[in-house]
Structure formats: structure tokens, C-alpha cells
Amino acid sequence: MHKKKYYLNILFMAVLLGLVFYVILKEEDLGEIFNALKDASLIFMFWAAVAGLMYVIMEGISMQIILISLGCKTSILKCTKYSFIGFFFNAITPSATGGQPMQVIYMNNDGINMGASSVTLLFWTIIYKIALVIIEMFVFIFMHGFAKQYIGRHMWLFVIGIIVNVVSIFLYSIVVFSKNGARNIAYFATWLLHKFHIVKRKEKIEKKLDKLLASYNEGAEYMLSHMKTAAIVLFTTIIQRVSYFVVTWFVYKALGCDGYTCIQIIVLQSFVSVCIDILPFPGGVGVNEGFFVRLFAPVMGKSMAVSAMLLSRGASFYVILVVSAVITLMAQIHQIHMEGRKIKFKDNKNRRE
């Protein structure tokens, strides 16, 4: 059932992407776009790909910092694996809802309890959103004129994006920092599902939730006393966010464009993220490409903006999606192999006995 859902999401992504590319390219000179792509600087494109990969790796570093502060022994390689797995499942599920549940599963397979993994992911999510709000506050304090000029009539979408992020931070904070916040929300969700006859044995579910939340609350209380960890993770997450935004700057230079500074290009790319992240499309596919072209067309011209979109999305999303798919497949094969070894070991043990 889950596999069928993922396949449908991938098919939806492909159809939506095809429609968007048709709308964007139907009135463009494809020869001009192809020549721009062909002449793009390989050196700058290499750094664009590095920046895209750094975006995922920095998430792994942040998770490792949080997990170690929670007393969990882990490595940067394992945490980077969780990050790539999260990226893959976020990309193929609406509103990026599939990543964190899969990360919890793989962490649990590596011996990290669900309480610690849940706290880690929630804590990181809060800081991830805070980092974006901080960046945009900086933009509107020091670059208000530039922001107003280029975001123009899309300002309403930007404001909604910021409001959604602030509300999300508030709700996540209740879950993590309120002693009974997670329990109340979980119980309310169970009650609601019971009312709609989706959950039949409510009491059984609540008992399981109590066991899970006991471990979860211990981790949340531990994080409250480690605000230094939060400051470090905020720093690494700001680097992560900027790594993603700077991909477009390297693409801008790869295409031989000039006239705008690195900070200005980063600011424009951050607007794309704020406006598109709130939309419930797998990986932001379709709307991200369309909005990118619309926002960057006044900066570099329509045809060049299309070329920049193709290269930027390629380096910051599609290449990473392929890498993430390979890593996820390898992780799954390794897990099947380990489970097979465990079964074989138990069988041998039973024969000896």
C-alpha cells in the first residue's frame, strides 16, 4: 500500500513537472536555452553541486549534535544517511510528510530509541524554521528596498509563508517544551480518529502512546537544559539554509551572468523557498520551477532564467534526489542483510541447543 502511494506521488511529480516545463518552454527559444546550458562553466557547476550536497550533509551534522547531547552514540556517516533518507521520502510525499517517519525507523534500526529520535527531529525542525525566519528578518531589516522591488505582487504569498513558519515554530515548541503538550496533542488526534471510526481500540492506542511519550518527555526535558546545543544547531542550520540558497549564485555565475551580488541572488532564492515550502506538492515540483523563472526573469531575462532554473533545480534537488534514492536503497539492502544474519544466527543457536 505504501509503495503504491509512493509510486503515485512520483507519477504525479512527473506529470506536474511535464506540464510546468511545457508552459514555461512553449514560447521560448529552445536553441538559446540549450546553448546557455552547454556553455555553462563546469567549475561553477561543480561548486553548485557541492553546495547542494552540503545542504543535506549539514542536516546530518545537526542531527548528530542533538543525538550526542541526548546521550546517543552515533556517527556522522549514519546521521548523513538519515538526512539523505529524509530528503528522498520528503521529495516523493506531499508537504514533505514522509521523511521524518522513515528517519525514525532507520534510527530505531540502528539502536536509537523512538523517544530520542522524535525529539531530535522535532527539535531540528523547529530550529530549521527559526533559521529561515532569522534570515528573512535580516533581509527585511537591511535589504527592505531590494526585497520590495523584486518580490512585488507576490508579497502576500511571502507574508503567508512567514506566518505559516512562525505558527509552526509555536506549535512545535508546545510539543517539545510543554510537559503535557505532546500528550494532549496525541490524545486529541487519537480521539478525533476514533470519532471518525479510523481508530477502533482507542484505549489500546493510548497505552502505547503513554509508553512512547514517557521516553519522549525524558528527551524533551533533557533538551531544555541544553540550550547551548540549540545555539550550535542554529548556527549549523543557518549554514545549511545558505548552502541551499547559494546554489543559485553558482549557477548565476556559471551562466556568465553579472550585475547582482551573491547576497542579492541568495535573497531572491530565499524568497522562492519561503513562498513555495508551504505548498503541498511533493518536493515543491512544478510550482518551484515556475515561481523561480517568474522571480528571476527580471534579473537575467526569461530565457536565461529558464536555463538557471534547470541548472539550479538540477544541482539542489534532482541530483540530490538520485543520490538519496541510491543511499536509501543501499540502506534498505543492508538492513535486509542484517535481519537475515540475525535469523541465521538464531537458527544456528537453536540447533546447538
Foldseek 3Di string as FASTA:
>chain_A
DVVVLLVVLVVVLVVLQVVLCCVQPVPPDVVVLVVLLVQFAPVLLVLLLVLLLLLLLLQLVLLVLQLVLLVDDDDSVLSSLLSLQLLQCLQRFWLSPGNLVVSLVLVVLVPDDSLSSVLSVLLLLLLLLVLLLVLVVVCCVPPVVLCCVQCPPVVVLLVVLNVVSVVSSVLSCQCLPPLCSVVVVVLVVLVVCVVVVNDPPSVVVSVVVVVSVVSNSVSSVSVVVPVVSSVVSSVSSNSSLLSLLQSLVSLCVSSVHDDDDSVSSSVLSSSLCSSQSVGTRRNSRNVSLNVQLVSCCVVPHNSVSNSSSVSSCVSNPVVSNVVSVVSVVVSVVVSVVVVVVVVVVVVVVVVVD
